[in-house]
Amino acid sequence: MKNIVIDYNTFTILDGTKGTYLISDIVKMSIVCEDARYKGKTDPFKHLVLDGKIQMGWLDLPKFYFGIDFEMKDHSHLALYISSQPVQYERGTYFEEKKEAQTIIDTLKRSM
């Protein structure tokens, strides 16, 4: 799995909010898409785009990074980036990275 190591009761984020955290502290996990123009310039996942063509149309597809937003028991949020390069809706590695994000969520849910 990309940018995360899942152990028995912990997970380690390698790209995003780096560190090791308890799986039991996760309250909610969401797949998010951060506008590529803001990655590394602000806190992770503060500038999101919709995962779809609804808002932009086909001629002006935004570039974004797939990630997972973790809401923790203490109400903090952790960020895990899945994408290493920006993707566009239904182009390039879009489907693989979206599937990877869902696989990570499913794996963590089984460990909870």
N, C-alpha and C. Protein backbone atom coordinates (compact mmCIF):
# COMPACT_ATOMS: atom_id res chain seq x y z
N MET A 1 0.83 -1.18 0.00
CA MET A 1 0.00 0.00 0.00
C MET A 1 0.88 1.24 0.00
N LYS A 2 0.41 2.25 -0.67
CA LYS A 2 1.19 3.47 -0.84
C LYS A 2 1.16 4.36 0.39
N ASN A 3 2.32 4.79 0.81
CA ASN A 3 2.49 5.84 1.81
C ASN A 3 1.91 5.54 3.19
N ILE A 4 1.63 4.28 3.47
CA ILE A 4 1.11 3.89 4.78
C ILE A 4 1.62 2.49 5.12
N VAL A 5 1.92 2.28 6.39
CA VAL A 5 2.28 0.96 6.90
C VAL A 5 1.26 0.63 7.97
N ILE A 6 0.57 -0.50 7.79
CA ILE A 6 -0.44 -0.93 8.76
C ILE A 6 0.10 -2.11 9.52
N ASP A 7 0.18 -1.95 10.85
CA ASP A 7 0.67 -2.99 11.72
C ASP A 7 -0.54 -3.54 12.48
N TYR A 8 -0.30 -4.35 13.46
CA TYR A 8 -1.38 -5.00 14.22
C TYR A 8 -2.41 -4.01 14.73
N ASN A 9 -2.00 -3.00 15.47
CA ASN A 9 -2.96 -2.04 16.02
C ASN A 9 -2.58 -0.59 15.76
N THR A 10 -1.60 -0.38 14.88
CA THR A 10 -1.17 0.98 14.55
C THR A 10 -1.07 1.14 13.03
N PHE A 11 -1.04 2.39 12.61
CA PHE A 11 -0.75 2.69 11.22
C PHE A 11 0.23 3.86 11.19
N THR A 12 1.12 3.83 10.22
CA THR A 12 2.14 4.86 10.09
C THR A 12 1.94 5.57 8.75
N ILE A 13 1.76 6.89 8.81
CA ILE A 13 1.60 7.70 7.61
C ILE A 13 2.98 8.17 7.17
N LEU A 14 3.31 7.88 5.91
CA LEU A 14 4.61 8.24 5.37
C LEU A 14 4.57 9.52 4.53
N ASP A 15 3.40 9.88 4.00
CA ASP A 15 3.24 11.11 3.23
C ASP A 15 1.93 11.77 3.65
N GLY A 16 2.04 12.90 4.29
CA GLY A 16 0.88 13.60 4.84
C GLY A 16 1.20 14.03 6.26
N THR A 17 0.34 13.68 7.19
CA THR A 17 0.58 13.95 8.60
C THR A 17 1.44 12.80 9.14
N LYS A 18 2.74 12.89 8.90
CA LYS A 18 3.66 11.79 9.20
C LYS A 18 3.63 11.44 10.68
N GLY A 19 3.66 10.14 10.93
CA GLY A 19 3.69 9.66 12.30
C GLY A 19 3.01 8.31 12.41
N THR A 20 3.03 7.77 13.62
CA THR A 20 2.39 6.49 13.91
C THR A 20 1.22 6.73 14.86
N TYR A 21 0.09 6.12 14.53
CA TYR A 21 -1.15 6.37 15.26
C TYR A 21 -1.87 5.05 15.54
N LEU A 22 -2.73 5.07 16.55
CA LEU A 22 -3.52 3.89 16.89
C LEU A 22 -4.73 3.76 15.97
N ILE A 23 -4.94 2.58 15.43
CA ILE A 23 -6.10 2.33 14.58
C ILE A 23 -7.38 2.53 15.39
N SER A 24 -7.36 2.16 16.66
CA SER A 24 -8.56 2.28 17.50
C SER A 24 -8.98 3.73 17.74
N ASP A 25 -8.11 4.69 17.43
CA ASP A 25 -8.44 6.11 17.60
C ASP A 25 -9.16 6.71 16.40
N ILE A 26 -9.30 5.94 15.32
CA ILE A 26 -9.98 6.44 14.12
C ILE A 26 -11.49 6.45 14.35
N VAL A 27 -12.12 7.57 14.05
CA VAL A 27 -13.58 7.69 14.12
C VAL A 27 -14.19 7.58 12.73
N LYS A 28 -13.56 8.23 11.76
CA LYS A 28 -14.10 8.29 10.40
C LYS A 28 -12.97 8.42 9.40
N MET A 29 -13.15 7.80 8.22
CA MET A 29 -12.17 7.92 7.13
C MET A 29 -12.92 8.32 5.86
N SER A 30 -12.35 9.27 5.14
CA SER A 30 -12.97 9.75 3.90
C SER A 30 -11.92 9.90 2.82
N ILE A 31 -12.27 9.47 1.60
CA ILE A 31 -11.41 9.71 0.45
C ILE A 31 -11.65 11.16 0.03
N VAL A 32 -10.56 11.89 -0.13
CA VAL A 32 -10.65 13.29 -0.52
C VAL A 32 -9.72 13.57 -1.69
N CYS A 33 -10.00 14.68 -2.36
CA CYS A 33 -9.20 15.11 -3.51
C CYS A 33 -8.76 16.55 -3.26
N GLU A 34 -7.46 16.74 -3.04
CA GLU A 34 -6.94 18.07 -2.78
C GLU A 34 -6.49 18.73 -4.09
N ASP A 35 -6.90 19.96 -4.28
CA ASP A 35 -6.48 20.75 -5.44
C ASP A 35 -4.96 20.76 -5.51
N ALA A 36 -4.41 20.34 -6.64
CA ALA A 36 -2.96 20.20 -6.79
C ALA A 36 -2.22 21.53 -6.59
N ARG A 37 -2.89 22.65 -6.83
CA ARG A 37 -2.23 23.95 -6.69
C ARG A 37 -1.86 24.27 -5.24
N TYR A 38 -2.48 23.57 -4.29
CA TYR A 38 -2.28 23.91 -2.88
C TYR A 38 -1.48 22.88 -2.09
N LYS A 39 -1.16 21.74 -2.69
CA LYS A 39 -0.42 20.71 -1.94
C LYS A 39 0.94 21.27 -1.50
N GLY A 40 1.19 21.17 -0.22
CA GLY A 40 2.45 21.63 0.34
C GLY A 40 2.48 23.11 0.68
N LYS A 41 1.44 23.85 0.29
CA LYS A 41 1.39 25.29 0.55
C LYS A 41 0.51 25.64 1.74
N THR A 42 -0.41 24.75 2.08
CA THR A 42 -1.29 24.94 3.24
C THR A 42 -1.39 23.61 3.98
N ASP A 43 -2.16 23.59 5.06
CA ASP A 43 -2.41 22.33 5.73
C ASP A 43 -3.07 21.37 4.75
N PRO A 44 -2.80 20.07 4.88
CA PRO A 44 -3.39 19.10 3.95
C PRO A 44 -4.91 19.14 3.96
N PHE A 45 -5.47 19.00 2.78
CA PHE A 45 -6.91 18.85 2.54
C PHE A 45 -7.74 20.07 2.95
N LYS A 46 -7.16 21.24 2.87
CA LYS A 46 -7.91 22.48 3.13
C LYS A 46 -8.55 23.00 1.85
N HIS A 47 -8.04 22.56 0.69
CA HIS A 47 -8.55 23.01 -0.61
C HIS A 47 -8.94 21.77 -1.41
N LEU A 48 -10.20 21.38 -1.30
CA LEU A 48 -10.67 20.16 -1.93
C LEU A 48 -11.39 20.45 -3.24
N VAL A 49 -11.38 19.47 -4.12
CA VAL A 49 -12.18 19.50 -5.34
C VAL A 49 -13.11 18.31 -5.29
N LEU A 50 -14.24 18.43 -5.98
CA LEU A 50 -15.15 17.30 -6.05
C LEU A 50 -14.54 16.21 -6.90
N ASP A 51 -14.75 14.98 -6.51
CA ASP A 51 -14.28 13.84 -7.31
C ASP A 51 -15.31 13.64 -8.41
N GLY A 52 -15.16 14.38 -9.46
CA GLY A 52 -16.09 14.24 -10.57
C GLY A 52 -16.08 15.45 -11.47
N LYS A 53 -16.82 15.32 -12.56
CA LYS A 53 -16.84 16.37 -13.57
C LYS A 53 -17.97 17.34 -13.35
N ILE A 54 -18.72 17.20 -12.28
CA ILE A 54 -19.92 17.99 -12.05
C ILE A 54 -19.63 19.49 -12.07
N GLN A 55 -18.62 19.92 -11.35
CA GLN A 55 -18.41 21.35 -11.20
C GLN A 55 -17.58 21.99 -12.31
N MET A 56 -16.77 21.24 -13.01
CA MET A 56 -15.83 21.86 -13.93
C MET A 56 -16.12 21.61 -15.40
N GLY A 57 -16.66 20.48 -15.76
CA GLY A 57 -16.82 20.16 -17.16
C GLY A 57 -15.56 19.52 -17.71
N TRP A 58 -15.64 18.98 -18.90
CA TRP A 58 -14.52 18.22 -19.46
C TRP A 58 -13.37 19.08 -19.96
N LEU A 59 -13.62 20.33 -20.29
CA LEU A 59 -12.56 21.14 -20.86
C LEU A 59 -11.61 21.71 -19.82
N ASP A 60 -12.07 21.81 -18.60
CA ASP A 60 -11.25 22.43 -17.55
C ASP A 60 -11.17 21.51 -16.34
N LEU A 61 -10.64 20.31 -16.55
CA LEU A 61 -10.55 19.35 -15.45
C LEU A 61 -9.45 19.76 -14.48
N PRO A 62 -9.78 19.85 -13.20
CA PRO A 62 -8.75 20.22 -12.22
C PRO A 62 -7.79 19.05 -11.98
N LYS A 63 -6.58 19.38 -11.61
CA LYS A 63 -5.62 18.36 -11.19
C LYS A 63 -5.69 18.30 -9.67
N PHE A 64 -5.60 17.08 -9.15
CA PHE A 64 -5.71 16.92 -7.71
C PHE A 64 -4.91 15.72 -7.25
N TYR A 65 -4.77 15.62 -5.94
CA TYR A 65 -4.11 14.50 -5.28
C TYR A 65 -5.15 13.73 -4.49
N PHE A 66 -5.22 12.42 -4.71
CA PHE A 66 -6.07 11.58 -3.87
C PHE A 66 -5.46 11.44 -2.49
N GLY A 67 -6.30 11.38 -1.50
CA GLY A 67 -5.84 11.16 -0.15
C GLY A 67 -6.94 10.61 0.72
N ILE A 68 -6.60 10.35 1.96
CA ILE A 68 -7.58 9.92 2.96
C ILE A 68 -7.49 10.88 4.13
N ASP A 69 -8.65 11.38 4.54
CA ASP A 69 -8.75 12.23 5.72
C ASP A 69 -9.24 11.34 6.86
N PHE A 70 -8.48 11.31 7.94
CA PHE A 70 -8.84 10.53 9.12
C PHE A 70 -9.33 11.48 10.19
N GLU A 71 -10.54 11.26 10.68
CA GLU A 71 -11.00 11.99 11.86
C GLU A 71 -10.73 11.10 13.06
N MET A 72 -10.06 11.66 14.06
CA MET A 72 -9.65 10.88 15.22
C MET A 72 -10.56 11.16 16.42
N LYS A 73 -10.47 10.34 17.44
CA LYS A 73 -11.30 10.49 18.64
C LYS A 73 -11.15 11.85 19.30
N ASP A 74 -9.96 12.44 19.22
CA ASP A 74 -9.73 13.75 19.85
C ASP A 74 -10.15 14.90 18.93
N HIS A 75 -10.89 14.57 17.85
CA HIS A 75 -11.42 15.53 16.87
C HIS A 75 -10.34 16.13 15.97
N SER A 76 -9.11 15.64 16.04
CA SER A 76 -8.07 16.09 15.13
C SER A 76 -8.27 15.36 13.79
N HIS A 77 -7.62 15.88 12.76
CA HIS A 77 -7.67 15.26 11.44
C HIS A 77 -6.25 14.95 10.99
N LEU A 78 -6.09 13.76 10.42
CA LEU A 78 -4.82 13.33 9.86
C LEU A 78 -4.97 13.21 8.35
N ALA A 79 -3.88 13.44 7.64
CA ALA A 79 -3.90 13.39 6.19
C ALA A 79 -2.95 12.32 5.68
N LEU A 80 -3.43 11.51 4.75
CA LEU A 80 -2.61 10.54 4.05
C LEU A 80 -2.75 10.80 2.56
N TYR A 81 -1.64 11.12 1.90
CA TYR A 81 -1.67 11.29 0.46
C TYR A 81 -1.46 9.94 -0.21
N ILE A 82 -2.30 9.63 -1.18
CA ILE A 82 -2.16 8.41 -1.98
C ILE A 82 -1.37 8.74 -3.24
N SER A 83 -1.72 9.84 -3.90
CA SER A 83 -1.09 10.23 -5.15
C SER A 83 0.30 10.80 -4.92
N SER A 84 1.22 10.41 -5.79
CA SER A 84 2.54 11.04 -5.75
C SER A 84 2.65 12.12 -6.83
N GLN A 85 1.78 12.05 -7.81
CA GLN A 85 1.69 13.04 -8.88
C GLN A 85 0.22 13.44 -9.02
N PRO A 86 -0.05 14.67 -9.49
CA PRO A 86 -1.44 15.08 -9.67
C PRO A 86 -2.15 14.20 -10.70
N VAL A 87 -3.43 13.96 -10.48
CA VAL A 87 -4.26 13.21 -11.41
C VAL A 87 -5.45 14.08 -11.83
N GLN A 88 -6.11 13.66 -12.90
CA GLN A 88 -7.32 14.31 -13.35
C GLN A 88 -8.45 13.30 -13.37
N TYR A 89 -9.66 13.80 -13.32
CA TYR A 89 -10.84 12.94 -13.29
C TYR A 89 -10.83 11.96 -14.46
N GLU A 90 -10.88 10.66 -14.13
CA GLU A 90 -10.95 9.56 -15.07
C GLU A 90 -9.82 9.54 -16.10
N ARG A 91 -8.65 10.05 -15.72
CA ARG A 91 -7.50 10.03 -16.63
C ARG A 91 -6.27 9.51 -15.89
N GLY A 92 -5.35 8.92 -16.64
CA GLY A 92 -4.09 8.46 -16.05
C GLY A 92 -4.32 7.43 -14.96
N THR A 93 -3.75 7.68 -13.79
CA THR A 93 -3.81 6.71 -12.69
C THR A 93 -5.02 6.92 -11.79
N TYR A 94 -5.99 7.69 -12.24
CA TYR A 94 -7.18 8.01 -11.45
C TYR A 94 -7.81 6.77 -10.80
N PHE A 95 -8.16 5.78 -11.62
CA PHE A 95 -8.88 4.61 -11.11
C PHE A 95 -8.02 3.78 -10.15
N GLU A 96 -6.74 3.63 -10.46
CA GLU A 96 -5.86 2.85 -9.59
C GLU A 96 -5.71 3.51 -8.22
N GLU A 97 -5.55 4.82 -8.22
CA GLU A 97 -5.33 5.52 -6.94
C GLU A 97 -6.62 5.59 -6.12
N LYS A 98 -7.74 5.72 -6.78
CA LYS A 98 -9.02 5.71 -6.05
C LYS A 98 -9.24 4.32 -5.44
N LYS A 99 -8.93 3.28 -6.19
CA LYS A 99 -9.05 1.91 -5.67
C LYS A 99 -8.09 1.69 -4.51
N GLU A 100 -6.86 2.20 -4.62
CA GLU A 100 -5.87 2.08 -3.55
C GLU A 100 -6.38 2.73 -2.27
N ALA A 101 -6.97 3.92 -2.38
CA ALA A 101 -7.51 4.60 -1.21
C ALA A 101 -8.60 3.76 -0.55
N GLN A 102 -9.49 3.19 -1.36
CA GLN A 102 -10.57 2.37 -0.80
C GLN A 102 -10.02 1.09 -0.17
N THR A 103 -8.98 0.51 -0.75
CA THR A 103 -8.35 -0.69 -0.18
C THR A 103 -7.76 -0.38 1.20
N ILE A 104 -7.11 0.77 1.34
CA ILE A 104 -6.55 1.17 2.63
C ILE A 104 -7.65 1.33 3.66
N ILE A 105 -8.73 1.99 3.29
CA ILE A 105 -9.86 2.17 4.22
C ILE A 105 -10.43 0.82 4.63
N ASP A 106 -10.65 -0.07 3.66
CA ASP A 106 -11.19 -1.39 3.97
C ASP A 106 -10.27 -2.18 4.89
N THR A 107 -8.97 -2.11 4.65
CA THR A 107 -7.99 -2.82 5.50
C THR A 107 -8.02 -2.29 6.91
N LEU A 108 -8.06 -0.97 7.06
CA LEU A 108 -8.10 -0.39 8.42
C LEU A 108 -9.41 -0.74 9.13
N LYS A 109 -10.52 -0.75 8.40
CA LYS A 109 -11.82 -1.11 9.02
C LYS A 109 -11.79 -2.54 9.56
N ARG A 110 -11.14 -3.43 8.81
CA ARG A 110 -11.05 -4.82 9.29
C ARG A 110 -10.19 -4.94 10.54
N SER A 111 -9.28 -3.98 10.74
CA SER A 111 -8.39 -4.01 11.91
C SER A 111 -8.99 -3.30 13.12
N MET A 112 -10.10 -2.64 12.94
CA MET A 112 -10.70 -1.88 14.04
C MET A 112 -11.43 -2.75 15.03
